[in-house]
């Protein structure tokens, strides 16, 4: 065994030695979870977004097996993933991999001799934890994009139909003199903001008023020259990434829409000193689920395909920026992708755009012939 070190999460720091526990197995398991959480906090991983979900998954797996980590075998891991796939038709490959990764990380911690758990489990239970996930029973990352092939960017007509449906819902509620028109109007503006700035769901819901920024190079947009995104997608369990998304001329219609919301709609929620951009009737922040529901309602009213979801608006933003001939690096910075290859996955340019590219190439190569032909 490796020499036990004074590492955050070491067994001797979370499980007292020389203590006779009435029920040692649950005590050891809880101490193991506490130690793993401590190890992750020492790495400055996000507690709410990363550590807590991992702990819940390990507990869920232990409940499924009705055994403790020092009793687990690869068979239990394989049975667990199989049960998830049988209960949840269409379980995403990426979701399955994230579950496997979390369990593999926990087993890696429990089997690392530097944390002392192998020795402690051998003394208490006569057996040691093992790594139960390996290359033969885990998802292999063979493709950059593993989502449903049916999910795609919306066309310009589909985007317009979605927004028309969202606006139409506001008018319908008003005409019937029912409650909810204010919330429906907020939802319509939020959906347009997702598209106009290429935002993720959490990025949208976490926007605050101070995140509205001026762009000195585009003073005509006033306080809506840019959005400061503070809750971007994190990498490797780190803190949320930040970026500034500039308002571009092709999407500057959002300035008038947001100004109307800020001046007429948001004050009607009586937000007081609450900083959130998107308010609810209970003077709280718009939830992720509510934003999803807003899209699904507009999608249904517009008659759009069921496989399209809120994130497709972000795909549409990337695609349309490319079709507007913005440089790839600019598009990458706008949406906060670390790699250009990720931005490329989001792109699904139209046939018209590709035709224009071909025509442009022909003109550049055979300018004389093209002029004669036209």
Protein backbone atom coordinates (compact mmCIF):
# COMPACT_ATOMS: atom_id res chain seq x y z
CA UNK A 1 0.00 0.00 0.00
CA UNK A 2 1.09 3.57 -0.61
CA UNK A 3 2.06 5.64 2.38
CA UNK A 4 -0.92 7.56 3.80
CA UNK A 5 -0.42 11.28 3.40
CA UNK A 6 -1.98 14.28 5.10
CA UNK A 7 -4.26 14.91 2.15
CA UNK A 8 -7.72 16.51 2.31
CA UNK A 9 -10.14 13.60 2.50
CA UNK A 10 -7.70 11.07 3.98
CA UNK A 11 -9.41 8.28 5.91
CA UNK A 12 -7.82 9.10 9.27
CA UNK A 13 -9.11 12.69 8.99
CA UNK A 14 -12.77 11.75 8.49
CA UNK A 15 -13.06 8.39 10.26
CA UNK A 16 -11.78 8.33 13.81
CA UNK A 17 -9.38 5.52 14.69
CA UNK A 18 -9.89 3.33 17.75
CA UNK A 19 -13.65 3.99 17.88
CA UNK A 20 -16.06 1.04 18.06
CA UNK A 21 -18.97 1.97 15.80
CA UNK A 22 -22.33 0.33 16.44
CA UNK A 23 -22.83 0.05 12.70
CA UNK A 24 -19.37 0.37 11.11
CA UNK A 25 -20.33 -0.15 7.46
CA UNK A 26 -22.65 2.90 7.09
CA UNK A 27 -20.24 4.96 9.21
CA UNK A 28 -17.32 4.10 6.96
CA UNK A 29 -19.34 4.79 3.81
CA UNK A 30 -20.47 8.20 5.06
CA UNK A 31 -16.90 9.05 6.08
CA UNK A 32 -15.71 7.98 2.64
CA UNK A 33 -18.25 10.29 0.99
CA UNK A 34 -17.29 13.12 3.33
CA UNK A 35 -13.61 12.59 2.51
CA UNK A 36 -14.26 12.56 -1.23
CA UNK A 37 -16.26 15.79 -0.95
CA UNK A 38 -13.42 17.35 1.05
CA UNK A 39 -10.91 16.29 -1.58
CA UNK A 40 -12.99 17.92 -4.31
CA UNK A 41 -13.53 21.12 -2.33
CA UNK A 42 -9.77 21.35 -1.89
CA UNK A 43 -9.58 21.41 -5.70
CA UNK A 44 -12.01 24.36 -5.71
CA UNK A 45 -14.67 22.38 -7.57
CA UNK A 46 -18.14 23.87 -7.52
CA UNK A 47 -20.14 22.42 -4.62
CA UNK A 48 -23.61 22.90 -6.06
CA UNK A 49 -22.95 22.11 -9.69
CA UNK A 50 -20.28 19.41 -9.43
CA UNK A 51 -19.73 17.90 -5.99
CA UNK A 52 -23.34 17.54 -4.82
CA UNK A 53 -24.55 15.77 -8.00
CA UNK A 54 -21.60 13.36 -7.81
CA UNK A 55 -22.38 12.49 -4.20
CA UNK A 56 -26.04 11.91 -5.03
CA UNK A 57 -25.06 9.55 -7.83
CA UNK A 58 -22.76 7.49 -5.60
CA UNK A 59 -25.51 7.20 -2.98
CA UNK A 60 -27.94 6.20 -5.71
CA UNK A 61 -25.55 3.54 -6.94
CA UNK A 62 -25.02 2.20 -3.39
CA UNK A 63 -28.78 2.01 -2.93
CA UNK A 64 -29.11 0.14 -6.23
CA UNK A 65 -26.46 -2.42 -5.28
CA UNK A 66 -27.43 -2.60 -1.60
CA UNK A 67 -23.70 -2.93 -0.97
CA UNK A 68 -20.80 -0.75 0.11
CA UNK A 69 -17.82 0.42 -1.96
CA UNK A 70 -15.47 -2.30 -0.69
CA UNK A 71 -17.98 -4.87 -1.98
CA UNK A 72 -18.63 -3.42 -5.42
CA UNK A 73 -17.60 -5.25 -8.59
CA UNK A 74 -17.78 -4.33 -12.28
CA UNK A 75 -20.95 -6.40 -12.57
CA UNK A 76 -22.86 -3.94 -10.36
CA UNK A 77 -21.68 -0.97 -12.44
CA UNK A 78 -22.78 -2.63 -15.66
CA UNK A 79 -26.16 -3.60 -14.19
CA UNK A 80 -26.70 -0.05 -12.93
CA UNK A 81 -26.11 1.56 -16.33
CA UNK A 82 -28.26 -1.09 -18.00
CA UNK A 83 -31.12 -0.39 -15.60
CA UNK A 84 -30.90 3.33 -16.35
CA UNK A 85 -31.09 2.68 -20.07
CA UNK A 86 -34.08 0.36 -19.67
CA UNK A 87 -35.99 2.87 -17.51
CA UNK A 88 -35.07 5.97 -19.50
CA UNK A 89 -35.56 5.40 -23.19
CA UNK A 90 -33.27 7.72 -25.10
CA UNK A 91 -30.74 8.15 -22.29
CA UNK A 92 -28.06 10.35 -23.85
CA UNK A 93 -24.62 8.86 -24.35
CA UNK A 94 -23.09 11.94 -22.75
CA UNK A 95 -25.29 11.45 -19.67
CA UNK A 96 -24.26 7.82 -19.36
CA UNK A 97 -20.62 8.78 -19.65
CA UNK A 98 -20.98 11.47 -16.96
CA UNK A 99 -22.43 8.85 -14.58
CA UNK A 100 -19.62 6.45 -15.33
CA UNK A 101 -17.00 9.17 -14.92
CA UNK A 102 -18.37 10.17 -11.51
CA UNK A 103 -18.36 6.57 -10.25
CA UNK A 104 -14.88 6.01 -11.66
CA UNK A 105 -13.58 9.12 -9.88
CA UNK A 106 -15.08 7.96 -6.59
CA UNK A 107 -13.53 4.51 -6.96
CA UNK A 108 -10.23 6.13 -7.88
CA UNK A 109 -10.34 8.08 -4.62
CA UNK A 110 -11.36 5.03 -2.56
CA UNK A 111 -8.61 2.83 -4.02
CA UNK A 112 -5.82 5.40 -3.77
CA UNK A 113 -3.49 4.22 -1.00
CA UNK A 114 -2.46 7.79 -0.21
CA UNK A 115 -5.90 8.39 1.31
CA UNK A 116 -5.74 5.31 3.50
CA UNK A 117 -9.04 3.72 2.60
CA UNK A 118 -7.67 0.38 1.36
CA UNK A 119 -5.89 -0.22 4.67
CA UNK A 120 -8.83 0.98 6.74
CA UNK A 121 -11.35 -1.18 4.85
CA UNK A 122 -9.07 -4.20 5.10
CA UNK A 123 -8.81 -3.76 8.87
CA UNK A 124 -12.56 -3.24 9.34
CA UNK A 125 -14.11 -5.52 6.73
CA UNK A 126 -11.40 -7.82 5.46
CA UNK A 127 -11.64 -6.52 1.89
CA UNK A 128 -10.64 -3.42 -0.06
CA UNK A 129 -12.37 -1.17 -2.62
CA UNK A 130 -11.65 -1.82 -6.30
CA UNK A 131 -11.92 0.20 -9.49
CA UNK A 132 -15.07 -1.19 -11.09
CA UNK A 133 -15.07 0.90 -14.28
CA UNK A 134 -12.50 0.37 -16.99
CA UNK A 135 -12.12 0.60 -20.76
CA UNK A 136 -14.26 -2.48 -21.38
CA UNK A 137 -17.41 -1.33 -19.56
CA UNK A 138 -17.47 2.43 -20.14
CA UNK A 139 -18.58 4.61 -23.02
CA UNK A 140 -15.78 5.43 -25.42
CA UNK A 141 -15.58 8.98 -26.73
CA UNK A 142 -15.40 8.29 -30.46
CA UNK A 143 -17.36 11.26 -31.78
CA UNK A 144 -17.27 15.00 -31.06
CA UNK A 145 -21.07 15.24 -31.14
CA UNK A 146 -23.18 12.57 -29.48
CA UNK A 147 -26.58 14.25 -29.34
CA UNK A 148 -29.63 13.24 -31.31
CA UNK A 149 -29.10 13.70 -35.06
CA UNK A 150 -32.62 15.16 -35.22
CA UNK A 151 -31.64 18.14 -33.09
CA UNK A 152 -30.49 20.99 -35.30
CA UNK A 153 -30.46 24.77 -35.69
CA UNK A 154 -33.77 26.42 -36.50
CA UNK A 155 -34.23 27.98 -39.91
CA UNK A 156 -34.98 31.70 -40.16
CA UNK A 157 -38.65 30.90 -40.80
CA UNK A 158 -38.80 28.59 -37.78
CA UNK A 159 -37.24 31.23 -35.53
CA UNK A 160 -39.82 33.74 -36.74
CA UNK A 161 -42.64 31.25 -36.23
CA UNK A 162 -41.45 30.54 -32.68
CA UNK A 163 -41.34 34.23 -31.77
CA UNK A 164 -44.71 34.90 -33.44
CA UNK A 165 -46.21 32.09 -31.37
CA UNK A 166 -44.71 33.49 -28.16
CA UNK A 167 -46.05 36.97 -28.96
CA UNK A 168 -49.41 35.55 -30.01
CA UNK A 169 -49.77 33.82 -26.66
CA UNK A 170 -49.47 37.20 -24.94
CA UNK A 171 -52.26 38.65 -27.08
CA UNK A 172 -54.44 35.59 -26.55
CA UNK A 173 -54.16 35.83 -22.75
CA UNK A 174 -54.94 39.54 -22.87
CA UNK A 175 -57.94 39.01 -25.14
CA UNK A 176 -59.36 36.43 -22.74
CA UNK A 177 -58.63 38.76 -19.81
CA UNK A 178 -56.83 36.07 -17.90
CA UNK A 179 -53.82 36.28 -15.62
CA UNK A 180 -50.40 35.52 -16.99
CA UNK A 181 -50.01 38.04 -19.79
CA UNK A 182 -47.12 39.73 -18.01
CA UNK A 183 -45.27 36.45 -17.50
CA UNK A 184 -45.94 35.42 -21.09
CA UNK A 185 -44.50 38.72 -22.32
CA UNK A 186 -41.41 38.19 -20.16
CA UNK A 187 -41.03 34.67 -21.58
CA UNK A 188 -41.25 35.95 -25.14
CA UNK A 189 -38.51 38.51 -24.52
CA UNK A 190 -36.33 35.94 -22.74
CA UNK A 191 -36.56 33.55 -25.70
CA UNK A 192 -35.59 36.33 -28.10
CA UNK A 193 -32.63 37.18 -25.86
CA UNK A 194 -31.44 33.57 -25.88
CA UNK A 195 -31.35 33.68 -29.68
CA UNK A 196 -30.02 37.23 -30.11
CA UNK A 197 -26.98 36.56 -27.87
CA UNK A 198 -26.55 32.79 -28.28
CA UNK A 199 -26.98 32.10 -24.56
CA UNK A 200 -27.23 28.86 -22.66
CA UNK A 201 -30.19 28.26 -20.36
CA UNK A 202 -28.35 28.93 -17.08
CA UNK A 203 -26.55 31.93 -18.54
CA UNK A 204 -29.91 33.46 -19.41
CA UNK A 205 -31.60 32.87 -16.07
CA UNK A 206 -28.61 34.17 -14.08
CA UNK A 207 -28.45 37.53 -15.86
CA UNK A 208 -28.66 40.56 -13.55
CA UNK A 209 -29.23 44.21 -14.41
CA UNK A 210 -25.53 45.10 -13.94
CA UNK A 211 -24.72 42.54 -16.65
CA UNK A 212 -26.14 44.92 -19.26
CA UNK A 213 -23.10 46.66 -20.70
CA UNK A 214 -22.36 49.56 -23.01
CA UNK A 215 -20.11 49.13 -26.01
CA UNK A 216 -18.07 52.30 -26.68
CA UNK A 217 -17.71 51.22 -30.31
CA UNK A 218 -21.50 50.98 -30.70
CA UNK A 219 -22.99 53.85 -28.66
CA UNK A 220 -26.26 53.63 -30.59
CA UNK A 221 -27.16 50.53 -28.55
CA UNK A 222 -26.94 52.37 -25.23
CA UNK A 223 -26.85 50.11 -22.19
CA UNK A 224 -27.50 47.08 -24.38
CA UNK A 225 -24.31 47.12 -26.41
CA UNK A 226 -23.24 43.85 -24.76
CA UNK A 227 -24.15 41.28 -22.13
CA UNK A 228 -21.68 40.23 -19.47
CA UNK A 229 -22.16 36.49 -18.92
CA UNK A 230 -20.94 35.46 -15.46
CA UNK A 231 -22.33 31.93 -15.32
CA UNK A 232 -20.89 30.32 -18.43
CA UNK A 233 -20.29 26.61 -18.67
CA UNK A 234 -17.40 25.52 -16.47
CA UNK A 235 -14.63 23.15 -17.51
CA UNK A 236 -13.45 20.13 -15.51
CA UNK A 237 -15.60 21.08 -12.54
CA UNK A 238 -14.04 24.53 -12.23
CA UNK A 239 -15.79 27.85 -11.60
CA UNK A 240 -18.23 29.26 -14.19
CA UNK A 241 -16.50 30.94 -17.12
CA UNK A 242 -17.12 34.61 -17.90
CA UNK A 243 -17.38 36.35 -21.24
CA UNK A 244 -18.82 39.46 -22.85
CA UNK A 245 -21.25 38.93 -25.74
CA UNK A 246 -21.44 41.90 -28.08
CA UNK A 247 -24.67 43.02 -29.73
CA UNK A 248 -24.19 42.56 -33.48
CA UNK A 249 -26.00 44.63 -36.15
CA UNK A 250 -27.94 41.65 -37.54
CA UNK A 251 -29.50 41.10 -34.11
CA UNK A 252 -29.84 44.73 -33.00
CA UNK A 253 -33.62 44.41 -33.05
CA UNK A 254 -33.17 42.93 -29.56
CA UNK A 255 -32.21 46.39 -28.23
CA UNK A 256 -35.71 47.80 -28.71
CA UNK A 257 -37.29 44.60 -27.39
CA UNK A 258 -35.20 44.59 -24.21
CA UNK A 259 -35.62 48.32 -23.63
CA UNK A 260 -39.38 47.88 -23.71
CA UNK A 261 -39.10 45.00 -21.24
CA UNK A 262 -36.87 47.01 -18.91
CA UNK A 263 -39.06 50.10 -18.97
CA UNK A 264 -42.58 48.64 -19.09
CA UNK A 265 -42.62 44.96 -18.18
CA UNK A 266 -40.05 44.33 -15.46
CA UNK A 267 -41.24 47.22 -13.24
CA UNK A 268 -44.74 45.69 -13.28
CA UNK A 269 -43.35 42.73 -11.30
CA UNK A 270 -42.47 45.17 -8.48
CA UNK A 271 -38.93 43.78 -8.23
CA UNK A 272 -37.73 46.24 -5.61
CA UNK A 273 -33.98 45.83 -5.17
CA UNK A 274 -33.86 42.35 -6.71
CA UNK A 275 -31.06 42.38 -9.32
CA UNK A 276 -32.38 39.63 -11.60
CA UNK A 277 -33.17 40.62 -15.17
CA UNK A 278 -35.99 38.08 -15.47
CA UNK A 279 -38.45 38.42 -12.60
CA UNK A 280 -41.36 36.23 -11.53
CA UNK A 281 -44.72 37.13 -10.00
CA UNK A 282 -43.32 36.11 -6.60
CA UNK A 283 -40.44 38.56 -6.97
CA UNK A 284 -37.89 35.84 -7.61
CA UNK A 285 -35.55 34.81 -10.38
CA UNK A 286 -36.83 32.98 -13.44
CA UNK A 287 -36.05 29.27 -13.07
CA UNK A 288 -34.37 27.01 -15.62
CA UNK A 289 -37.48 24.86 -15.81
CA UNK A 290 -39.71 27.86 -16.49
CA UNK A 291 -37.50 28.95 -19.37
CA UNK A 292 -37.69 25.45 -20.83
CA UNK A 293 -41.46 25.51 -20.48
CA UNK A 294 -41.62 28.87 -22.24
CA UNK A 295 -39.81 27.39 -25.24
CA UNK A 296 -41.92 24.23 -25.25
CA UNK A 297 -45.15 26.22 -25.17
CA UNK A 298 -44.09 28.44 -28.07
CA UNK A 299 -42.76 25.43 -29.93
CA UNK A 300 -46.08 23.63 -29.63
CA UNK A 301 -48.09 26.67 -30.70
CA UNK A 302 -45.77 27.21 -33.69
CA UNK A 303 -46.05 23.57 -34.74
CA UNK A 304 -42.29 23.03 -34.69
CA UNK A 305 -40.75 19.52 -34.49
CA UNK A 306 -40.69 18.03 -31.00
CA UNK A 307 -36.98 17.21 -31.11
CA UNK A 308 -36.07 20.90 -31.14
CA UNK A 309 -35.30 22.36 -27.71
CA UNK A 310 -34.22 25.63 -26.14
CA UNK A 311 -30.53 24.93 -26.80
CA UNK A 312 -31.29 24.81 -30.53
CA UNK A 313 -31.67 28.60 -30.41
CA UNK A 314 -28.00 28.79 -29.43
CA UNK A 315 -27.15 26.49 -32.35
CA UNK A 316 -29.19 28.80 -34.57
CA UNK A 317 -27.27 31.84 -33.36
CA UNK A 318 -23.94 30.23 -34.22
CA UNK A 319 -25.17 29.11 -37.62
CA UNK A 320 -26.62 32.48 -38.52
CA UNK A 321 -23.50 34.36 -37.43
CA UNK A 322 -21.48 32.13 -39.75
CA UNK A 323 -23.95 32.79 -42.56
CA UNK A 324 -23.53 36.52 -41.92
CA UNK A 325 -19.81 35.95 -42.64
CA UNK A 326 -18.49 36.69 -39.16
CA UNK A 327 -14.98 35.25 -38.60
CA UNK A 328 -14.87 31.88 -36.90
CA UNK A 329 -12.79 33.25 -34.03
CA UNK A 330 -15.34 35.98 -33.35
CA UNK A 331 -18.19 33.45 -33.29
CA UNK A 332 -16.17 31.24 -30.96
CA UNK A 333 -15.60 34.12 -28.53
CA UNK A 334 -19.25 35.19 -28.66
CA UNK A 335 -20.53 31.79 -27.52
CA UNK A 336 -17.68 31.00 -25.13
CA UNK A 337 -16.24 27.89 -26.76
CA UNK A 338 -12.71 26.92 -25.82
CA UNK A 339 -12.17 25.16 -29.15
CA UNK A 340 -13.16 26.06 -32.68
CA UNK A 341 -14.15 22.44 -33.27
CA UNK A 342 -16.95 22.81 -30.73
CA UNK A 343 -18.30 25.85 -32.57
CA UNK A 344 -18.15 23.89 -35.82
CA UNK A 345 -20.37 21.19 -34.30
CA UNK A 346 -23.02 23.84 -33.60
CA UNK A 347 -23.01 25.07 -37.18
CA UNK A 348 -25.58 23.87 -39.71
CA UNK A 349 -25.50 26.38 -42.54
CA UNK A 350 -28.29 26.49 -45.09
CA UNK A 351 -28.14 25.37 -48.71
CA UNK A 352 -28.54 29.00 -49.83
CA UNK A 353 -25.45 29.99 -47.88
CA UNK A 354 -23.39 27.15 -49.34
CA UNK A 355 -24.58 28.09 -52.82
CA UNK A 356 -23.37 31.65 -52.26
CA UNK A 357 -19.99 30.32 -51.17
CA UNK A 358 -19.70 28.27 -54.36
CA UNK A 359 -20.71 31.26 -56.49
CA UNK A 360 -18.16 33.43 -54.71
CA UNK A 361 -15.41 30.84 -55.34
CA UNK A 362 -16.35 30.56 -59.02
CA UNK A 363 -16.27 34.31 -59.45
CA UNK A 364 -12.87 34.52 -57.80
CA UNK A 365 -11.40 31.73 -59.95
CA UNK A 366 -13.13 32.39 -63.29
CA UNK A 367 -14.12 36.03 -63.13
CA UNK A 368 -14.06 36.51 -66.91
CA UNK A 369 -16.14 33.46 -67.69
CA UNK A 370 -18.63 34.35 -64.97
CA UNK A 371 -19.14 37.84 -66.38
CA UNK A 372 -19.71 36.44 -69.85
CA UNK A 373 -22.16 33.88 -68.55
CA UNK A 374 -24.17 36.46 -66.62
